[in-house]
PDB file of N, CA and C in Angstrom:
ATOM      1  N   MET A   1     -82.952 172.189 -25.767  1.00  0.00           N
ATOM      2  CA  MET A   1     -81.848 171.784 -26.605  1.00  0.00           C
ATOM      3  C   MET A   1     -82.082 170.335 -27.048  1.00  0.00           C
ATOM      4  N   PRO A   2     -81.897 170.047 -28.333  1.00  0.00           N
ATOM      5  CA  PRO A   2     -82.134 168.674 -28.796  1.00  0.00           C
ATOM      6  C   PRO A   2     -81.086 167.701 -28.251  1.00  0.00           C
ATOM      7  N   ALA A   3     -81.495 166.443 -28.187  1.00  0.00           N
ATOM      8  CA  ALA A   3     -80.594 165.419 -27.662  1.00  0.00           C
ATOM      9  C   ALA A   3     -79.468 165.095 -28.647  1.00  0.00           C
ATOM     10  N   TRP A   4     -79.684 165.369 -29.908  1.00  0.00           N
ATOM     11  CA  TRP A   4     -78.671 165.050 -30.911  1.00  0.00           C
ATOM     12  C   TRP A   4     -78.371 166.281 -31.708  1.00  0.00           C
ATOM     13  N   PRO A   5     -77.252 166.717 -32.052  1.00  0.00           N
ATOM     14  CA  PRO A   5     -75.955 166.122 -31.779  1.00  0.00           C
ATOM     15  C   PRO A   5     -75.476 166.420 -30.365  1.00  0.00           C
ATOM     16  N   ARG A   6     -74.852 165.464 -29.805  1.00  0.00           N
ATOM     17  CA  ARG A   6     -74.329 165.601 -28.449  1.00  0.00           C
ATOM     18  C   ARG A   6     -73.014 166.364 -28.485  1.00  0.00           C
ATOM     19  N   PRO A   7     -72.765 167.180 -27.473  1.00  0.00           N
ATOM     20  CA  PRO A   7     -71.505 167.940 -27.486  1.00  0.00           C
ATOM     21  C   PRO A   7     -70.276 167.072 -27.263  1.00  0.00           C
ATOM     22  N   SER A   8     -70.429 165.965 -26.546  1.00  0.00           N
ATOM     23  CA  SER A   8     -69.275 165.094 -26.317  1.00  0.00           C
ATOM     24  C   SER A   8     -69.365 163.888 -27.235  1.00  0.00           C
ATOM     25  N   MET A   9     -68.233 163.300 -27.526  1.00  0.00           N
ATOM     26  CA  MET A   9     -68.202 162.118 -28.374  1.00  0.00           C
ATOM     27  C   MET A   9     -68.540 160.892 -27.537  1.00  0.00           C
ATOM     28  N   ASP A  10     -69.704 160.357 -27.748  1.00  0.00           N
ATOM     29  CA  ASP A  10     -70.139 159.180 -27.010  1.00  0.00           C
ATOM     30  C   ASP A  10     -69.864 157.952 -27.880  1.00  0.00           C
ATOM     31  N   TYR A  11     -68.658 157.408 -27.765  1.00  0.00           N
ATOM     32  CA  TYR A  11     -68.277 156.285 -28.606  1.00  0.00           C
ATOM     33  C   TYR A  11     -69.050 155.018 -28.258  1.00  0.00           C
ATOM     34  N   ARG A  12     -69.516 154.886 -27.021  1.00  0.00           N
ATOM     35  CA  ARG A  12     -70.272 153.691 -26.637  1.00  0.00           C
ATOM     36  C   ARG A  12     -71.598 153.629 -27.382  1.00  0.00           C
ATOM     37  N   HIS A  13     -72.158 154.786 -27.716  1.00  0.00           N
ATOM     38  CA  HIS A  13     -73.414 154.808 -28.457  1.00  0.00           C
ATOM     39  C   HIS A  13     -73.201 154.300 -29.880  1.00  0.00           C
ATOM     40  N   ARG A  14     -72.074 154.624 -30.467  1.00  0.00           N
ATOM     41  CA  ARG A  14     -71.810 154.219 -31.842  1.00  0.00           C
ATOM     42  C   ARG A  14     -71.230 152.814 -31.948  1.00  0.00           C
ATOM     43  N   ILE A  15     -70.362 152.450 -31.026  1.00  0.00           N
ATOM     44  CA  ILE A  15     -69.692 151.152 -31.104  1.00  0.00           C
ATOM     45  C   ILE A  15     -70.557 150.047 -30.516  1.00  0.00           C
ATOM     46  N   GLY A  16     -71.204 150.295 -29.419  1.00  0.00           N
ATOM     47  CA  GLY A  16     -72.033 149.281 -28.795  1.00  0.00           C
ATOM     48  C   GLY A  16     -71.430 148.804 -27.496  1.00  0.00           C
ATOM     49  N   ARG A  17     -71.887 147.646 -27.060  1.00  0.00           N
ATOM     50  CA  ARG A  17     -71.463 147.132 -25.758  1.00  0.00           C
ATOM     51  C   ARG A  17     -70.144 146.368 -25.811  1.00  0.00           C
ATOM     52  N   CYS A  18     -69.764 145.851 -26.956  1.00  0.00           N
ATOM     53  CA  CYS A  18     -68.585 144.982 -27.058  1.00  0.00           C
ATOM     54  C   CYS A  18     -67.400 145.751 -27.629  1.00  0.00           C
ATOM     55  N   VAL A  19     -66.837 146.613 -26.831  1.00  0.00           N
ATOM     56  CA  VAL A  19     -65.733 147.459 -27.281  1.00  0.00           C
ATOM     57  C   VAL A  19     -64.473 146.626 -27.517  1.00  0.00           C
ATOM     58  N   VAL A  20     -64.261 145.596 -26.744  1.00  0.00           N
ATOM     59  CA  VAL A  20     -63.051 144.769 -26.873  1.00  0.00           C
ATOM     60  C   VAL A  20     -63.044 144.036 -28.211  1.00  0.00           C
ATOM     61  N   PHE A  21     -64.169 143.435 -28.581  1.00  0.00           N
ATOM     62  CA  PHE A  21     -64.230 142.740 -29.868  1.00  0.00           C
ATOM     63  C   PHE A  21     -64.099 143.721 -31.030  1.00  0.00           C
ATOM     64  N   PHE A  22     -64.662 144.910 -30.883  1.00  0.00           N
ATOM     65  CA  PHE A  22     -64.533 145.933 -31.911  1.00  0.00           C
ATOM     66  C   PHE A  22     -63.069 146.342 -32.073  1.00  0.00           C
ATOM     67  N   ALA A  23     -62.375 146.530 -30.962  1.00  0.00           N
ATOM     68  CA  ALA A  23     -60.968 146.927 -31.018  1.00  0.00           C
ATOM     69  C   ALA A  23     -60.113 145.836 -31.648  1.00  0.00           C
ATOM     70  N   PHE A  24     -60.356 144.566 -31.287  1.00  0.00           N
ATOM     71  CA  PHE A  24     -59.588 143.475 -31.889  1.00  0.00           C
ATOM     72  C   PHE A  24     -59.872 143.350 -33.380  1.00  0.00           C
ATOM     73  N   ALA A  25     -61.114 143.555 -33.788  1.00  0.00           N
ATOM     74  CA  ALA A  25     -61.454 143.475 -35.212  1.00  0.00           C
ATOM     75  C   ALA A  25     -60.737 144.565 -35.995  1.00  0.00           C
ATOM     76  N   ILE A  26     -60.745 145.783 -35.474  1.00  0.00           N
ATOM     77  CA  ILE A  26     -60.046 146.879 -36.149  1.00  0.00           C
ATOM     78  C   ILE A  26     -58.543 146.617 -36.177  1.00  0.00           C
ATOM     79  N   LEU A  27     -57.999 146.129 -35.059  1.00  0.00           N
ATOM     80  CA  LEU A  27     -56.570 145.838 -34.979  1.00  0.00           C
ATOM     81  C   LEU A  27     -56.164 144.776 -36.000  1.00  0.00           C
ATOM     82  N   PHE A  28     -56.935 143.705 -36.119  1.00  0.00           N
ATOM     83  CA  PHE A  28     -56.616 142.656 -37.083  1.00  0.00           C
ATOM     84  C   PHE A  28     -56.754 143.160 -38.515  1.00  0.00           C
ATOM     85  N   ASP A  29     -57.765 143.995 -38.775  1.00  0.00           N
ATOM     86  CA  ASP A  29     -57.913 144.550 -40.123  1.00  0.00           C
ATOM     87  C   ASP A  29     -56.720 145.426 -40.498  1.00  0.00           C
ATOM     88  N   VAL A  30     -56.326 146.296 -39.598  1.00  0.00           N
ATOM     89  CA  VAL A  30     -55.201 147.198 -39.884  1.00  0.00           C
ATOM     90  C   VAL A  30     -53.901 146.417 -40.010  1.00  0.00           C
ATOM     91  N   ALA A  31     -53.673 145.462 -39.110  1.00  0.00           N
ATOM     92  CA  ALA A  31     -52.442 144.670 -39.178  1.00  0.00           C
ATOM     93  C   ALA A  31     -52.395 143.843 -40.467  1.00  0.00           C
ATOM     94  N   GLY A  32     -53.500 143.249 -40.851  1.00  0.00           N
ATOM     95  CA  GLY A  32     -53.540 142.475 -42.089  1.00  0.00           C
ATOM     96  C   GLY A  32     -53.295 143.334 -43.310  1.00  0.00           C
ATOM     97  N   LEU A  33     -53.870 144.530 -43.321  1.00  0.00           N
ATOM     98  CA  LEU A  33     -53.659 145.432 -44.450  1.00  0.00           C
ATOM     99  C   LEU A  33     -52.212 145.906 -44.525  1.00  0.00           C
ATOM    100  N   ILE A  34     -51.625 146.213 -43.381  1.00  0.00           N
ATOM    101  CA  ILE A  34     -50.221 146.653 -43.371  1.00  0.00           C
ATOM    102  C   ILE A  34     -49.301 145.533 -43.836  1.00  0.00           C
ATOM    103  N   ILE A  35     -49.537 144.325 -43.368  1.00  0.00           N
ATOM    104  CA  ILE A  35     -48.697 143.191 -43.782  1.00  0.00           C
ATOM    105  C   ILE A  35     -48.861 142.908 -45.268  1.00  0.00           C
ATOM    106  N   PHE A  36     -50.086 142.996 -45.747  1.00  0.00           N
ATOM    107  CA  PHE A  36     -50.336 142.777 -47.173  1.00  0.00           C
ATOM    108  C   PHE A  36     -49.640 143.822 -48.036  1.00  0.00           C
ATOM    109  N   LEU A  37     -49.785 145.090 -47.673  1.00  0.00           N
ATOM    110  CA  LEU A  37     -49.146 146.152 -48.450  1.00  0.00           C
ATOM    111  C   LEU A  37     -47.630 146.113 -48.328  1.00  0.00           C
ATOM    112  N   LEU A  38     -47.134 145.666 -47.179  1.00  0.00           N
ATOM    113  CA  LEU A  38     -45.694 145.503 -47.016  1.00  0.00           C
ATOM    114  C   LEU A  38     -45.173 144.429 -47.963  1.00  0.00           C
ATOM    115  N   GLY A  39     -45.935 143.363 -48.130  1.00  0.00           N
ATOM    116  CA  GLY A  39     -45.520 142.320 -49.065  1.00  0.00           C
ATOM    117  C   GLY A  39     -45.552 142.764 -50.509  1.00  0.00           C
ATOM    118  N   ILE A  40     -46.449 143.694 -50.828  1.00  0.00           N
ATOM    119  CA  ILE A  40     -46.531 144.169 -52.208  1.00  0.00           C
ATOM    120  C   ILE A  40     -45.423 145.176 -52.516  1.00  0.00           C
ATOM    121  N   PHE A  41     -45.238 146.161 -51.638  1.00  0.00           N
ATOM    122  CA  PHE A  41     -44.367 147.282 -51.973  1.00  0.00           C
ATOM    123  C   PHE A  41     -42.945 147.177 -51.432  1.00  0.00           C
ATOM    124  N   ALA A  42     -42.700 146.346 -50.429  1.00  0.00           N
ATOM    125  CA  ALA A  42     -41.335 146.200 -49.911  1.00  0.00           C
ATOM    126  C   ALA A  42     -40.609 145.129 -50.721  1.00  0.00           C
ATOM    127  N   HIS A  43     -39.341 145.290 -50.840  1.00  0.00           N
ATOM    128  CA  HIS A  43     -38.542 144.355 -51.623  1.00  0.00           C
ATOM    129  C   HIS A  43     -37.891 143.339 -50.690  1.00  0.00           C
ATOM    130  N   PHE A  44     -38.615 142.265 -50.447  1.00  0.00           N
ATOM    131  CA  PHE A  44     -38.131 141.165 -49.611  1.00  0.00           C
ATOM    132  C   PHE A  44     -37.947 139.933 -50.479  1.00  0.00           C
ATOM    133  N   GLU A  45     -37.090 139.035 -50.007  1.00  0.00           N
ATOM    134  CA  GLU A  45     -36.950 137.741 -50.675  1.00  0.00           C
ATOM    135  C   GLU A  45     -38.193 136.883 -50.457  1.00  0.00           C
ATOM    136  N   PHE A  46     -38.810 137.033 -49.294  1.00  0.00           N
ATOM    137  CA  PHE A  46     -39.963 136.213 -48.928  1.00  0.00           C
ATOM    138  C   PHE A  46     -41.242 137.056 -48.955  1.00  0.00           C
ATOM    139  N   TRP A  47     -41.455 137.817 -50.015  1.00  0.00           N
ATOM    140  CA  TRP A  47     -42.601 138.712 -50.146  1.00  0.00           C
ATOM    141  C   TRP A  47     -43.912 137.940 -50.183  1.00  0.00           C
ATOM    142  N   ASP A  48     -43.874 136.712 -50.684  1.00  0.00           N
ATOM    143  CA  ASP A  48     -45.108 135.940 -50.806  1.00  0.00           C
ATOM    144  C   ASP A  48     -45.690 135.582 -49.443  1.00  0.00           C
ATOM    145  N   PHE A  49     -44.843 135.455 -48.427  1.00  0.00           N
ATOM    146  CA  PHE A  49     -45.345 135.204 -47.075  1.00  0.00           C
ATOM    147  C   PHE A  49     -46.224 136.352 -46.609  1.00  0.00           C
ATOM    148  N   PHE A  50     -45.792 137.578 -46.855  1.00  0.00           N
ATOM    149  CA  PHE A  50     -46.561 138.747 -46.440  1.00  0.00           C
ATOM    150  C   PHE A  50     -47.825 138.909 -47.274  1.00  0.00           C
ATOM    151  N   VAL A  51     -47.715 138.670 -48.575  1.00  0.00           N
ATOM    152  CA  VAL A  51     -48.872 138.820 -49.456  1.00  0.00           C
ATOM    153  C   VAL A  51     -49.945 137.793 -49.114  1.00  0.00           C
ATOM    154  N   LEU A  52     -49.551 136.618 -48.700  1.00  0.00           N
ATOM    155  CA  LEU A  52     -50.538 135.588 -48.375  1.00  0.00           C
ATOM    156  C   LEU A  52     -51.026 135.653 -46.931  1.00  0.00           C
ATOM    157  N   SER A  53     -50.187 136.065 -46.004  1.00  0.00           N
ATOM    158  CA  SER A  53     -50.611 136.099 -44.600  1.00  0.00           C
ATOM    159  C   SER A  53     -51.453 137.328 -44.269  1.00  0.00           C
ATOM    160  N   GLY A  54     -51.301 138.420 -45.014  1.00  0.00           N
ATOM    161  CA  GLY A  54     -52.119 139.605 -44.773  1.00  0.00           C
ATOM    162  C   GLY A  54     -53.606 139.346 -44.934  1.00  0.00           C
ATOM    163  N   PRO A  55     -54.032 138.789 -46.076  1.00  0.00           N
ATOM    164  CA  PRO A  55     -55.460 138.478 -46.224  1.00  0.00           C
ATOM    165  C   PRO A  55     -55.964 137.416 -45.250  1.00  0.00           C
ATOM    166  N   ILE A  56     -55.103 136.508 -44.829  1.00  0.00           N
ATOM    167  CA  ILE A  56     -55.530 135.517 -43.835  1.00  0.00           C
ATOM    168  C   ILE A  56     -55.824 136.196 -42.504  1.00  0.00           C
ATOM    169  N   ILE A  57     -55.014 137.155 -42.123  1.00  0.00           N
ATOM    170  CA  ILE A  57     -55.257 137.899 -40.884  1.00  0.00           C
ATOM    171  C   ILE A  57     -56.540 138.722 -41.008  1.00  0.00           C
ATOM    172  N   ILE A  58     -56.760 139.325 -42.170  1.00  0.00           N
ATOM    173  CA  ILE A  58     -58.010 140.063 -42.386  1.00  0.00           C
ATOM    174  C   ILE A  58     -59.199 139.122 -42.319  1.00  0.00           C
ATOM    175  N   PHE A  59     -59.062 137.926 -42.866  1.00  0.00           N
ATOM    176  CA  PHE A  59     -60.145 136.949 -42.785  1.00  0.00           C
ATOM    177  C   PHE A  59     -60.399 136.527 -41.340  1.00  0.00           C
ATOM    178  N   LEU A  60     -59.348 136.389 -40.544  1.00  0.00           N
ATOM    179  CA  LEU A  60     -59.528 136.022 -39.136  1.00  0.00           C
ATOM    180  C   LEU A  60     -60.198 137.137 -38.335  1.00  0.00           C
ATOM    181  N   SER A  61     -60.090 138.366 -38.798  1.00  0.00           N
ATOM    182  CA  SER A  61     -60.784 139.452 -38.109  1.00  0.00           C
ATOM    183  C   SER A  61     -62.285 139.315 -38.227  1.00  0.00           C
ATOM    184  N   LEU A  62     -62.735 138.539 -39.184  1.00  0.00           N
ATOM    185  CA  LEU A  62     -64.172 138.295 -39.340  1.00  0.00           C
ATOM    186  C   LEU A  62     -64.761 137.637 -38.103  1.00  0.00           C
ATOM    187  N   VAL A  63     -63.980 136.827 -37.409  1.00  0.00           N
ATOM    188  CA  VAL A  63     -64.440 136.208 -36.165  1.00  0.00           C
ATOM    189  C   VAL A  63     -64.775 137.278 -35.132  1.00  0.00           C
ATOM    190  N   PHE A  64     -63.919 138.266 -34.996  1.00  0.00           N
ATOM    191  CA  PHE A  64     -64.168 139.336 -34.032  1.00  0.00           C
ATOM    192  C   PHE A  64     -65.340 140.215 -34.462  1.00  0.00           C
ATOM    193  N   TRP A  65     -65.501 140.440 -35.771  1.00  0.00           N
ATOM    194  CA  TRP A  65     -66.649 141.208 -36.236  1.00  0.00           C
ATOM    195  C   TRP A  65     -67.951 140.466 -35.944  1.00  0.00           C
ATOM    196  N   ILE A  66     -67.954 139.144 -36.090  1.00  0.00           N
ATOM    197  CA  ILE A  66     -69.157 138.357 -35.783  1.00  0.00           C
ATOM    198  C   ILE A  66     -69.442 138.388 -34.295  1.00  0.00           C
ATOM    199  N   PHE A  67     -68.418 138.241 -33.456  1.00  0.00           N
ATOM    200  CA  PHE A  67     -68.625 138.334 -32.008  1.00  0.00           C
ATOM    201  C   PHE A  67     -69.136 139.712 -31.611  1.00  0.00           C
ATOM    202  N   TRP A  68     -68.605 140.761 -32.239  1.00  0.00           N
ATOM    203  CA  TRP A  68     -69.063 142.116 -31.938  1.00  0.00           C
ATOM    204  C   TRP A  68     -70.523 142.287 -32.321  1.00  0.00           C
ATOM    205  N   TYR A  69     -70.914 141.767 -33.474  1.00  0.00           N
ATOM    206  CA  TYR A  69     -72.297 141.879 -33.921  1.00  0.00           C
ATOM    207  C   TYR A  69     -73.232 141.101 -33.001  1.00  0.00           C
ATOM    208  N   LEU A  70     -72.849 139.883 -32.667  1.00  0.00           N
ATOM    209  CA  LEU A  70     -73.698 139.065 -31.805  1.00  0.00           C
ATOM    210  C   LEU A  70     -73.801 139.636 -30.401  1.00  0.00           C
ATOM    211  N   GLY A  71     -72.761 140.281 -29.927  1.00  0.00           N
ATOM    212  CA  GLY A  71     -72.808 140.890 -28.606  1.00  0.00           C
ATOM    213  C   GLY A  71     -73.676 142.125 -28.534  1.00  0.00           C
ATOM    214  N   ASN A  72     -73.986 142.712 -29.680  1.00  0.00           N
ATOM    215  CA  ASN A  72     -74.810 143.915 -29.706  1.00  0.00           C
ATOM    216  C   ASN A  72     -76.263 143.643 -30.073  1.00  0.00           C
ATOM    217  N   LEU A  73     -76.632 142.388 -30.255  1.00  0.00           N
ATOM    218  CA  LEU A  73     -78.030 142.073 -30.543  1.00  0.00           C
ATOM    219  C   LEU A  73     -78.873 142.295 -29.301  1.00  0.00           C
ATOM    220  N   ASN A  74     -80.061 142.823 -29.506  1.00  0.00           N
ATOM    221  CA  ASN A  74     -81.005 143.025 -28.410  1.00  0.00           C
ATOM    222  C   ASN A  74     -82.150 142.033 -28.551  1.00  0.00           C
ATOM    223  N   VAL A  75     -82.341 141.210 -27.536  1.00  0.00           N
ATOM    224  CA  VAL A  75     -83.408 140.226 -27.518  1.00  0.00           C
ATOM    225  C   VAL A  75     -84.267 140.494 -26.294  1.00  0.00           C
ATOM    226  N   SER A  76     -85.571 140.570 -26.514  1.00  0.00           N
ATOM    227  CA  SER A  76     -86.462 140.843 -25.390  1.00  0.00           C
ATOM    228  C   SER A  76     -86.571 139.600 -24.506  1.00  0.00           C
ATOM    229  N   PRO A  77     -86.866 139.779 -23.219  1.00  0.00           N
ATOM    230  CA  PRO A  77     -87.000 138.614 -22.329  1.00  0.00           C
ATOM    231  C   PRO A  77     -88.109 137.662 -22.746  1.00  0.00           C
ATOM    232  N   GLN A  78     -89.142 138.162 -23.401  1.00  0.00           N
ATOM    233  CA  GLN A  78     -90.230 137.284 -23.845  1.00  0.00           C
ATOM    234  C   GLN A  78     -89.777 136.342 -24.953  1.00  0.00           C
ATOM    235  N   GLU A  79     -88.853 136.805 -25.791  1.00  0.00           N
ATOM    236  CA  GLU A  79     -88.341 135.943 -26.855  1.00  0.00           C
ATOM    237  C   GLU A  79     -87.384 134.888 -26.328  1.00  0.00           C
ATOM    238  N   LEU A  80     -86.787 135.141 -25.173  1.00  0.00           N
ATOM    239  CA  LEU A  80     -85.862 134.167 -24.592  1.00  0.00           C
ATOM    240  C   LEU A  80     -86.561 133.018 -23.913  1.00  0.00           C
ATOM    241  N   LEU A  81     -87.801 133.226 -23.488  1.00  0.00           N
ATOM    242  CA  LEU A  81     -88.540 132.174 -22.787  1.00  0.00           C
ATOM    243  C   LEU A  81     -88.973 131.109 -23.779  1.00  0.00           C
ATOM    244  N   LEU A  82     -88.678 129.877 -23.441  1.00  0.00           N
ATOM    245  CA  LEU A  82     -89.081 128.762 -24.286  1.00  0.00           C
ATOM    246  C   LEU A  82     -90.486 128.323 -23.922  1.00  0.00           C
ATOM    247  N   PRO A  83     -91.277 127.881 -24.899  1.00  0.00           N
ATOM    248  CA  PRO A  83     -92.611 127.388 -24.553  1.00  0.00           C
ATOM    249  C   PRO A  83     -92.516 126.074 -23.790  1.00  0.00           C
ATOM    250  N   PRO A  84     -93.446 125.854 -22.858  1.00  0.00           N
ATOM    251  CA  PRO A  84     -93.376 124.604 -22.049  1.00  0.00           C
ATOM    252  C   PRO A  84     -93.711 123.364 -22.837  1.00  0.00           C
TER     253      PRO A  84
END
């Protein structure tokens, strides 16, 4: 039987080692999008707060995406050794 496709969903294989940073990045993206769309489609007096803070939250999720990417880099031990 081939190794792929696996019968069970192995999310660690797809997401990587940094599940916490991945979850925070997704959470910030979804929250920013919801706040942004709420500012556009809901009728509030202070709609501009939502329209402006949504993209800022999405931009802040970039920090978690960078941490997630850096946490999944593979570096061999030979590359870590500095020359004398």
